[in-house]
């Protein structure tokens, strides 16, 4: 018996997640930013059809933008067209932007979108992580730590 995936709307919760980012980067700090979207983009996000595995945040004219995030066109009969991989403006306070951009330019960090979610009011937000790239040895060490934590929890459960 196979369950079919329904086109259910996400009223609040995660619409898209970049699980690979926490593997490829050491996340030092996270920031929640608003994102400017059009109506059909929001509808498509609410269906959970977005992909942000290849997305990144960058600066243009002193403001932050989300690049290469894939939000497919909404197929609900809406005439408004938009670019699925278009550049979308991120909304942050000026002090936060200056702090993030100085960290990126000074120490070689990068801004990685971790997820797109809807808050309790139904507003779309992007969680940005200030990340430092990992090399192959760091990735193996992270996997070993995660496996040990899992095994440790399993042992503690068995002992009561």
N, C-alpha and C. Protein backbone atom coordinates (compact mmCIF):
# COMPACT_ATOMS: atom_id res chain seq x y z
N UNK A 1 0.84 -1.18 0.00
CA UNK A 1 0.00 0.00 0.00
C UNK A 1 0.88 1.24 0.00
N UNK A 2 0.81 2.03 -1.04
CA UNK A 2 1.65 3.20 -1.21
C UNK A 2 0.84 4.45 -0.92
N UNK A 3 1.39 5.30 -0.05
CA UNK A 3 0.72 6.56 0.24
C UNK A 3 1.10 7.58 -0.81
N UNK A 4 0.13 8.33 -1.28
CA UNK A 4 0.39 9.38 -2.24
C UNK A 4 0.65 10.68 -1.50
N UNK A 5 1.58 11.46 -2.03
CA UNK A 5 1.89 12.75 -1.44
C UNK A 5 0.84 13.76 -1.88
N UNK A 6 0.19 14.37 -0.92
CA UNK A 6 -0.85 15.34 -1.23
C UNK A 6 -0.23 16.71 -1.42
N UNK A 7 -0.92 17.57 -2.15
CA UNK A 7 -0.52 18.96 -2.29
C UNK A 7 -1.09 19.76 -1.14
N UNK A 8 -0.54 19.53 0.05
CA UNK A 8 -1.03 20.24 1.22
C UNK A 8 -0.27 21.54 1.38
N UNK A 9 -0.96 22.54 1.87
CA UNK A 9 -0.36 23.84 2.08
C UNK A 9 0.38 23.87 3.40
N UNK A 10 1.50 24.56 3.43
CA UNK A 10 2.27 24.75 4.64
C UNK A 10 1.89 26.11 5.20
N UNK A 11 1.09 26.13 6.28
CA UNK A 11 0.68 27.41 6.84
C UNK A 11 1.80 28.01 7.69
N UNK A 12 2.45 27.19 8.48
CA UNK A 12 3.67 27.61 9.17
C UNK A 12 4.54 26.38 9.35
N UNK A 13 5.82 26.59 9.17
CA UNK A 13 6.76 25.49 9.20
C UNK A 13 7.75 25.63 8.06
N UNK A 14 8.56 24.62 7.88
CA UNK A 14 9.64 24.69 6.89
C UNK A 14 9.11 24.38 5.49
N UNK A 15 9.36 25.30 4.56
CA UNK A 15 8.95 25.12 3.17
C UNK A 15 10.07 24.51 2.34
N UNK A 16 11.32 24.87 2.63
CA UNK A 16 12.49 24.33 1.93
C UNK A 16 13.66 24.31 2.90
N UNK A 17 14.49 23.29 2.80
CA UNK A 17 15.59 23.15 3.73
C UNK A 17 16.86 22.75 2.98
N UNK A 18 17.99 23.31 3.41
CA UNK A 18 19.29 23.00 2.82
C UNK A 18 20.05 22.14 3.83
N UNK A 19 19.84 20.84 3.79
CA UNK A 19 20.46 19.94 4.75
C UNK A 19 21.94 19.76 4.47
N UNK A 20 22.34 19.96 3.24
CA UNK A 20 23.74 19.80 2.86
C UNK A 20 24.62 20.92 3.42
N UNK A 21 24.03 22.06 3.74
CA UNK A 21 24.80 23.21 4.21
C UNK A 21 25.47 22.91 5.54
N UNK A 22 24.79 22.24 6.45
CA UNK A 22 25.38 21.94 7.76
C UNK A 22 26.47 20.89 7.64
N UNK A 23 26.50 20.15 6.56
CA UNK A 23 27.56 19.17 6.33
C UNK A 23 28.77 19.85 5.69
N UNK A 24 28.53 20.75 4.74
CA UNK A 24 29.62 21.39 4.01
C UNK A 24 30.24 22.57 4.76
N UNK A 25 29.51 23.17 5.69
CA UNK A 25 29.98 24.36 6.40
C UNK A 25 29.84 24.18 7.90
N UNK A 26 30.74 24.81 8.63
CA UNK A 26 30.58 24.96 10.08
C UNK A 26 29.80 26.25 10.27
N UNK A 27 28.60 26.13 10.79
CA UNK A 27 27.74 27.30 10.95
C UNK A 27 28.10 27.99 12.27
N UNK A 28 28.56 29.23 12.17
CA UNK A 28 28.99 29.97 13.34
C UNK A 28 27.87 30.79 13.96
N UNK A 29 26.98 31.29 13.12
CA UNK A 29 25.91 32.17 13.59
C UNK A 29 24.73 32.07 12.63
N UNK A 30 23.52 32.19 13.15
CA UNK A 30 22.34 32.18 12.27
C UNK A 30 21.57 33.48 12.45
N UNK A 31 20.95 33.92 11.36
CA UNK A 31 20.16 35.14 11.34
C UNK A 31 18.89 34.86 10.55
N UNK A 32 17.77 35.34 11.05
CA UNK A 32 16.51 35.20 10.33
C UNK A 32 16.24 36.48 9.55
N UNK A 33 15.98 36.34 8.26
CA UNK A 33 15.75 37.49 7.39
C UNK A 33 14.43 37.32 6.66
N UNK A 34 13.76 38.44 6.43
CA UNK A 34 12.58 38.42 5.59
C UNK A 34 13.00 38.35 4.14
N UNK A 35 12.08 37.95 3.29
CA UNK A 35 12.39 37.85 1.87
C UNK A 35 11.22 38.43 1.08
N UNK A 36 11.54 39.21 0.05
CA UNK A 36 10.50 39.82 -0.77
C UNK A 36 10.10 38.83 -1.86
N UNK A 37 8.83 38.44 -1.85
CA UNK A 37 8.29 37.48 -2.81
C UNK A 37 7.02 38.04 -3.44
N UNK A 38 6.69 37.55 -4.62
CA UNK A 38 5.42 37.87 -5.26
C UNK A 38 4.39 36.82 -4.86
N UNK A 39 3.15 37.06 -5.16
CA UNK A 39 2.06 36.16 -4.78
C UNK A 39 2.22 34.73 -5.25
N UNK A 40 2.50 34.51 -6.55
CA UNK A 40 2.65 33.13 -7.02
C UNK A 40 3.85 32.42 -6.39
N UNK A 41 4.90 33.18 -6.05
CA UNK A 41 6.06 32.57 -5.40
C UNK A 41 5.68 32.06 -4.01
N UNK A 42 4.89 32.82 -3.31
CA UNK A 42 4.44 32.41 -1.98
C UNK A 42 3.56 31.17 -2.08
N UNK A 43 2.68 31.14 -3.07
CA UNK A 43 1.82 29.97 -3.25
C UNK A 43 2.64 28.73 -3.55
N UNK A 44 3.64 28.87 -4.38
CA UNK A 44 4.51 27.74 -4.70
C UNK A 44 5.30 27.29 -3.47
N UNK A 45 5.76 28.24 -2.66
CA UNK A 45 6.47 27.91 -1.42
C UNK A 45 5.56 27.17 -0.45
N UNK A 46 4.31 27.61 -0.37
CA UNK A 46 3.37 26.96 0.55
C UNK A 46 3.10 25.50 0.16
N UNK A 47 3.32 25.18 -1.11
CA UNK A 47 3.19 23.78 -1.53
C UNK A 47 4.46 22.99 -1.24
N UNK A 48 5.51 23.67 -0.77
CA UNK A 48 6.75 23.00 -0.41
C UNK A 48 7.56 22.55 -1.61
N UNK A 49 7.54 23.30 -2.69
CA UNK A 49 8.19 22.86 -3.92
C UNK A 49 9.52 23.55 -4.18
N UNK A 50 10.03 24.35 -3.25
CA UNK A 50 11.26 25.10 -3.48
C UNK A 50 12.49 24.25 -3.17
N UNK A 51 13.63 24.65 -3.77
CA UNK A 51 14.91 24.00 -3.53
C UNK A 51 15.96 25.08 -3.30
N UNK A 52 16.70 24.95 -2.20
CA UNK A 52 17.73 25.96 -1.91
C UNK A 52 19.10 25.33 -1.70
N UNK A 53 19.32 24.12 -2.21
CA UNK A 53 20.61 23.46 -2.00
C UNK A 53 21.75 24.18 -2.71
N UNK A 54 21.48 24.86 -3.80
CA UNK A 54 22.52 25.56 -4.55
C UNK A 54 22.47 27.07 -4.32
N UNK A 55 21.65 27.52 -3.37
CA UNK A 55 21.45 28.95 -3.17
C UNK A 55 22.56 29.54 -2.30
N UNK A 56 22.73 30.85 -2.44
CA UNK A 56 23.68 31.59 -1.63
C UNK A 56 23.20 33.02 -1.49
N UNK A 57 23.68 33.69 -0.47
CA UNK A 57 23.31 35.09 -0.24
C UNK A 57 24.52 35.96 -0.52
N UNK A 58 24.27 37.06 -1.20
CA UNK A 58 25.36 37.96 -1.55
C UNK A 58 24.92 39.41 -1.48
N UNK A 59 25.91 40.30 -1.60
CA UNK A 59 25.68 41.72 -1.46
C UNK A 59 25.66 42.40 -2.82
N UNK A 60 24.74 43.34 -2.97
CA UNK A 60 24.70 44.20 -4.14
C UNK A 60 24.16 45.55 -3.70
N UNK A 61 24.91 46.60 -3.95
CA UNK A 61 24.54 47.98 -3.59
C UNK A 61 24.26 48.12 -2.09
N UNK A 62 25.00 47.42 -1.26
CA UNK A 62 24.85 47.55 0.18
C UNK A 62 23.66 46.78 0.76
N UNK A 63 23.02 45.95 -0.03
CA UNK A 63 21.88 45.16 0.44
C UNK A 63 22.15 43.69 0.16
N UNK A 64 21.48 42.81 0.90
CA UNK A 64 21.65 41.38 0.72
C UNK A 64 20.57 40.83 -0.20
N UNK A 65 20.98 39.88 -1.06
CA UNK A 65 20.06 39.24 -1.98
C UNK A 65 20.27 37.73 -1.93
N UNK A 66 19.21 36.99 -2.18
CA UNK A 66 19.25 35.54 -2.25
C UNK A 66 19.38 35.15 -3.72
N UNK A 67 20.46 34.46 -4.05
CA UNK A 67 20.75 34.08 -5.43
C UNK A 67 20.53 32.58 -5.61
N UNK A 68 20.07 32.20 -6.78
CA UNK A 68 19.99 30.81 -7.23
C UNK A 68 19.05 29.93 -6.41
N UNK A 69 18.10 30.51 -5.72
CA UNK A 69 17.08 29.71 -5.03
C UNK A 69 16.00 29.36 -6.06
N UNK A 70 15.67 28.08 -6.15
CA UNK A 70 14.71 27.62 -7.15
C UNK A 70 13.32 27.55 -6.55
N UNK A 71 12.44 28.42 -7.01
CA UNK A 71 11.02 28.39 -6.64
C UNK A 71 10.25 28.22 -7.94
N UNK A 72 9.69 27.02 -8.19
CA UNK A 72 9.03 26.79 -9.49
C UNK A 72 7.76 27.62 -9.63
N UNK A 73 7.37 27.81 -10.88
CA UNK A 73 6.15 28.59 -11.15
C UNK A 73 4.94 27.87 -10.59
N UNK A 74 4.02 28.66 -10.06
CA UNK A 74 2.78 28.11 -9.51
C UNK A 74 1.85 27.73 -10.65
N UNK A 75 1.33 26.53 -10.62
CA UNK A 75 0.51 26.00 -11.72
C UNK A 75 -0.99 26.16 -11.48
N UNK A 76 -1.37 27.12 -10.67
CA UNK A 76 -2.78 27.27 -10.33
C UNK A 76 -3.54 28.24 -11.19
N UNK A 77 -3.11 28.48 -12.40
CA UNK A 77 -3.85 29.35 -13.31
C UNK A 77 -3.54 30.82 -13.13
N UNK A 78 -2.45 31.13 -12.46
CA UNK A 78 -2.08 32.52 -12.25
C UNK A 78 -1.31 33.02 -13.48
N UNK A 79 -1.67 34.19 -13.97
CA UNK A 79 -1.03 34.73 -15.16
C UNK A 79 0.31 35.38 -14.88
N UNK A 80 0.56 35.74 -13.64
CA UNK A 80 1.80 36.42 -13.28
C UNK A 80 2.97 35.45 -13.36
N UNK A 81 3.93 35.75 -14.22
CA UNK A 81 5.11 34.91 -14.39
C UNK A 81 6.27 35.51 -13.60
N UNK A 82 7.17 34.65 -13.16
CA UNK A 82 8.36 35.12 -12.48
C UNK A 82 9.51 34.19 -12.82
N UNK A 83 10.71 34.64 -12.57
CA UNK A 83 11.91 33.86 -12.85
C UNK A 83 12.12 32.85 -11.72
N UNK A 84 12.11 31.54 -12.02
CA UNK A 84 12.25 30.54 -10.95
C UNK A 84 13.56 30.63 -10.18
N UNK A 85 14.64 31.02 -10.84
CA UNK A 85 15.93 31.17 -10.15
C UNK A 85 16.33 32.65 -10.04
N UNK A 86 15.34 33.50 -9.92
CA UNK A 86 15.60 34.94 -9.86
C UNK A 86 16.26 35.36 -8.56
N UNK A 87 16.73 36.59 -8.55
CA UNK A 87 17.36 37.17 -7.36
C UNK A 87 16.27 37.79 -6.50
N UNK A 88 16.28 37.46 -5.21
CA UNK A 88 15.25 37.95 -4.30
C UNK A 88 15.90 38.73 -3.16
N UNK A 89 15.34 39.89 -2.86
CA UNK A 89 15.92 40.76 -1.84
C UNK A 89 15.61 40.22 -0.44
N UNK A 90 16.62 40.28 0.42
CA UNK A 90 16.46 39.87 1.81
C UNK A 90 16.32 41.12 2.68
N UNK A 91 15.45 41.02 3.67
CA UNK A 91 15.16 42.17 4.53
C UNK A 91 15.82 41.99 5.89
N UNK A 92 16.79 42.84 6.17
CA UNK A 92 17.50 42.83 7.44
C UNK A 92 17.71 44.28 7.89
N UNK A 93 17.97 44.45 9.18
CA UNK A 93 18.34 45.76 9.68
C UNK A 93 19.73 46.12 9.14
N UNK A 94 19.99 47.40 8.98
CA UNK A 94 21.25 47.87 8.42
C UNK A 94 22.45 47.40 9.25
N UNK A 95 22.30 47.40 10.58
CA UNK A 95 23.40 46.95 11.45
C UNK A 95 23.71 45.47 11.23
N UNK A 96 22.67 44.67 11.04
CA UNK A 96 22.88 43.24 10.78
C UNK A 96 23.59 43.03 9.45
N UNK A 97 23.19 43.79 8.43
CA UNK A 97 23.82 43.68 7.11
C UNK A 97 25.29 44.03 7.20
N UNK A 98 25.61 45.13 7.88
CA UNK A 98 27.00 45.56 8.00
C UNK A 98 27.81 44.51 8.75
N UNK A 99 27.24 43.95 9.82
CA UNK A 99 27.94 42.94 10.61
C UNK A 99 28.22 41.68 9.77
N UNK A 100 27.22 41.21 9.03
CA UNK A 100 27.39 40.02 8.21
C UNK A 100 28.38 40.25 7.07
N UNK A 101 28.25 41.37 6.40
CA UNK A 101 29.14 41.65 5.27
C UNK A 101 30.58 41.85 5.72
N UNK A 102 30.78 42.44 6.90
CA UNK A 102 32.15 42.59 7.38
C UNK A 102 32.75 41.23 7.73
N UNK A 103 31.95 40.32 8.28
CA UNK A 103 32.45 38.98 8.59
C UNK A 103 32.78 38.21 7.31
N UNK A 104 31.96 38.39 6.29
CA UNK A 104 32.20 37.69 5.02
C UNK A 104 33.47 38.21 4.35
N UNK A 105 33.65 39.52 4.32
CA UNK A 105 34.81 40.08 3.62
C UNK A 105 36.09 39.93 4.42
N UNK A 106 36.01 40.01 5.74
CA UNK A 106 37.20 40.00 6.58
C UNK A 106 37.80 38.61 6.72
N UNK A 107 37.00 37.62 7.01
CA UNK A 107 37.55 36.33 7.41
C UNK A 107 37.22 35.19 6.45
N UNK A 108 36.69 35.48 5.29
CA UNK A 108 36.46 34.43 4.32
C UNK A 108 35.27 33.53 4.62
N UNK A 109 34.34 34.01 5.39
CA UNK A 109 33.13 33.24 5.65
C UNK A 109 32.16 33.43 4.49
N UNK A 110 31.09 32.66 4.51
CA UNK A 110 30.08 32.78 3.47
C UNK A 110 28.69 32.74 4.09
N UNK A 111 27.72 33.33 3.41
CA UNK A 111 26.33 33.33 3.87
C UNK A 111 25.58 32.24 3.12
N UNK A 112 25.07 31.28 3.88
CA UNK A 112 24.39 30.13 3.30
C UNK A 112 22.95 30.11 3.80
N UNK A 113 21.96 30.03 2.91
CA UNK A 113 20.58 29.88 3.39
C UNK A 113 20.37 28.46 3.92
N UNK A 114 19.90 28.35 5.15
CA UNK A 114 19.69 27.05 5.78
C UNK A 114 18.28 26.54 5.54
N UNK A 115 17.30 27.44 5.59
CA UNK A 115 15.93 27.03 5.30
C UNK A 115 15.07 28.24 4.96
N UNK A 116 13.95 27.97 4.32
CA UNK A 116 12.89 28.95 4.11
C UNK A 116 11.69 28.42 4.87
N UNK A 117 11.15 29.25 5.75
CA UNK A 117 10.03 28.80 6.57
C UNK A 117 9.01 29.93 6.70
N UNK A 118 7.84 29.55 7.18
CA UNK A 118 6.79 30.52 7.46
C UNK A 118 6.67 30.64 8.97
N UNK A 119 6.70 31.88 9.47
CA UNK A 119 6.58 32.05 10.92
C UNK A 119 5.12 31.91 11.34
N UNK A 120 4.85 32.13 12.62
CA UNK A 120 3.49 31.91 13.13
C UNK A 120 2.47 32.87 12.53
N UNK A 121 2.93 33.99 11.99
CA UNK A 121 2.02 34.93 11.33
C UNK A 121 1.83 34.61 9.86
N UNK A 122 2.55 33.61 9.35
CA UNK A 122 2.43 33.22 7.95
C UNK A 122 3.33 33.98 7.00
N UNK A 123 4.36 34.65 7.54
CA UNK A 123 5.28 35.43 6.72
C UNK A 123 6.49 34.57 6.37
N UNK A 124 6.91 34.61 5.12
CA UNK A 124 8.05 33.82 4.67
C UNK A 124 9.35 34.42 5.20
N UNK A 125 10.19 33.59 5.79
CA UNK A 125 11.48 34.00 6.34
C UNK A 125 12.56 33.05 5.84
N UNK A 126 13.79 33.56 5.75
CA UNK A 126 14.95 32.75 5.36
C UNK A 126 15.91 32.76 6.54
N UNK A 127 16.35 31.57 6.95
CA UNK A 127 17.37 31.48 7.98
C UNK A 127 18.73 31.41 7.28
N UNK A 128 19.54 32.44 7.53
CA UNK A 128 20.87 32.50 6.94
C UNK A 128 21.89 32.05 7.97
N UNK A 129 22.86 31.30 7.52
CA UNK A 129 23.94 30.87 8.40
C UNK A 129 25.25 31.47 7.94
N UNK A 130 26.00 32.04 8.89
CA UNK A 130 27.34 32.51 8.59
C UNK A 130 28.25 31.31 8.74
N UNK A 131 28.73 30.79 7.62
CA UNK A 131 29.44 29.52 7.64
C UNK A 131 30.88 29.63 7.20
N UNK A 132 31.66 28.70 7.72
CA UNK A 132 33.05 28.56 7.31
C UNK A 132 33.19 27.19 6.67
N UNK A 133 33.74 27.14 5.47
CA UNK A 133 33.83 25.89 4.72
C UNK A 133 34.64 24.83 5.44
N UNK A 134 34.20 23.58 5.30
CA UNK A 134 34.92 22.45 5.89
C UNK A 134 35.71 21.74 4.82
N UNK A 135 36.85 21.19 5.21
CA UNK A 135 37.58 20.34 4.30
C UNK A 135 37.17 18.89 4.54
N UNK A 136 37.74 17.98 3.79
CA UNK A 136 37.31 16.58 3.85
C UNK A 136 37.51 15.98 5.24
N UNK A 137 38.62 16.30 5.90
CA UNK A 137 38.90 15.75 7.23
C UNK A 137 37.90 16.27 8.26
N UNK A 138 37.53 17.54 8.15
CA UNK A 138 36.54 18.10 9.07
C UNK A 138 35.19 17.42 8.89
N UNK A 139 34.84 17.12 7.64
CA UNK A 139 33.56 16.45 7.38
C UNK A 139 33.55 15.06 7.99
N UNK A 140 34.67 14.34 7.85
CA UNK A 140 34.75 13.00 8.45
C UNK A 140 34.67 13.08 9.96
N UNK A 141 35.31 14.07 10.56
CA UNK A 141 35.28 14.24 12.01
C UNK A 141 33.84 14.54 12.47
N UNK A 142 33.12 15.37 11.72
CA UNK A 142 31.74 15.69 12.07
C UNK A 142 30.85 14.45 12.00
N UNK A 143 31.08 13.61 10.99
CA UNK A 143 30.30 12.37 10.87
C UNK A 143 30.60 11.45 12.05
N UNK A 144 31.88 11.34 12.43
CA UNK A 144 32.26 10.48 13.56
C UNK A 144 31.64 10.99 14.85
N UNK A 145 31.64 12.30 15.07
CA UNK A 145 31.01 12.87 16.27
C UNK A 145 29.52 12.59 16.30
N UNK A 146 28.87 12.76 15.16
CA UNK A 146 27.42 12.53 15.10
C UNK A 146 27.09 11.07 15.37
N UNK A 147 27.89 10.14 14.81
CA UNK A 147 27.67 8.71 15.05
C UNK A 147 27.90 8.36 16.51
N UNK A 148 28.93 8.96 17.12
CA UNK A 148 29.19 8.68 18.53
C UNK A 148 28.06 9.19 19.41
N UNK A 149 27.53 10.37 19.13
CA UNK A 149 26.41 10.89 19.91
C UNK A 149 25.19 9.99 19.79
N UNK A 150 24.94 9.48 18.60
CA UNK A 150 23.82 8.56 18.38
C UNK A 150 24.02 7.27 19.16
N UNK A 151 25.25 6.71 19.08
CA UNK A 151 25.53 5.47 19.82
C UNK A 151 25.46 5.68 21.32
N UNK A 152 25.94 6.81 21.79
CA UNK A 152 25.91 7.12 23.21
C UNK A 152 24.46 7.21 23.70
N UNK A 153 23.61 7.88 22.94
CA UNK A 153 22.20 7.98 23.32
C UNK A 153 21.54 6.61 23.34
N UNK A 154 21.89 5.76 22.38
CA UNK A 154 21.35 4.41 22.32
C UNK A 154 21.77 3.60 23.54
N UNK A 155 23.04 3.71 23.93
CA UNK A 155 23.53 3.00 25.12
C UNK A 155 22.85 3.48 26.39
N UNK A 156 22.68 4.77 26.51
CA UNK A 156 22.01 5.31 27.70
C UNK A 156 20.55 4.87 27.78
N UNK A 157 19.90 4.77 26.63
CA UNK A 157 18.52 4.29 26.62
C UNK A 157 18.44 2.85 27.05
N UNK A 158 19.39 2.02 26.61
CA UNK A 158 19.37 0.60 26.95
C UNK A 158 19.64 0.37 28.43
N UNK A 159 20.49 1.18 29.02
CA UNK A 159 20.83 1.01 30.45
C UNK A 159 19.73 1.53 31.35
N UNK A 160 18.88 2.35 30.87
CA UNK A 160 17.73 2.78 31.65
C UNK A 160 17.97 4.06 32.26
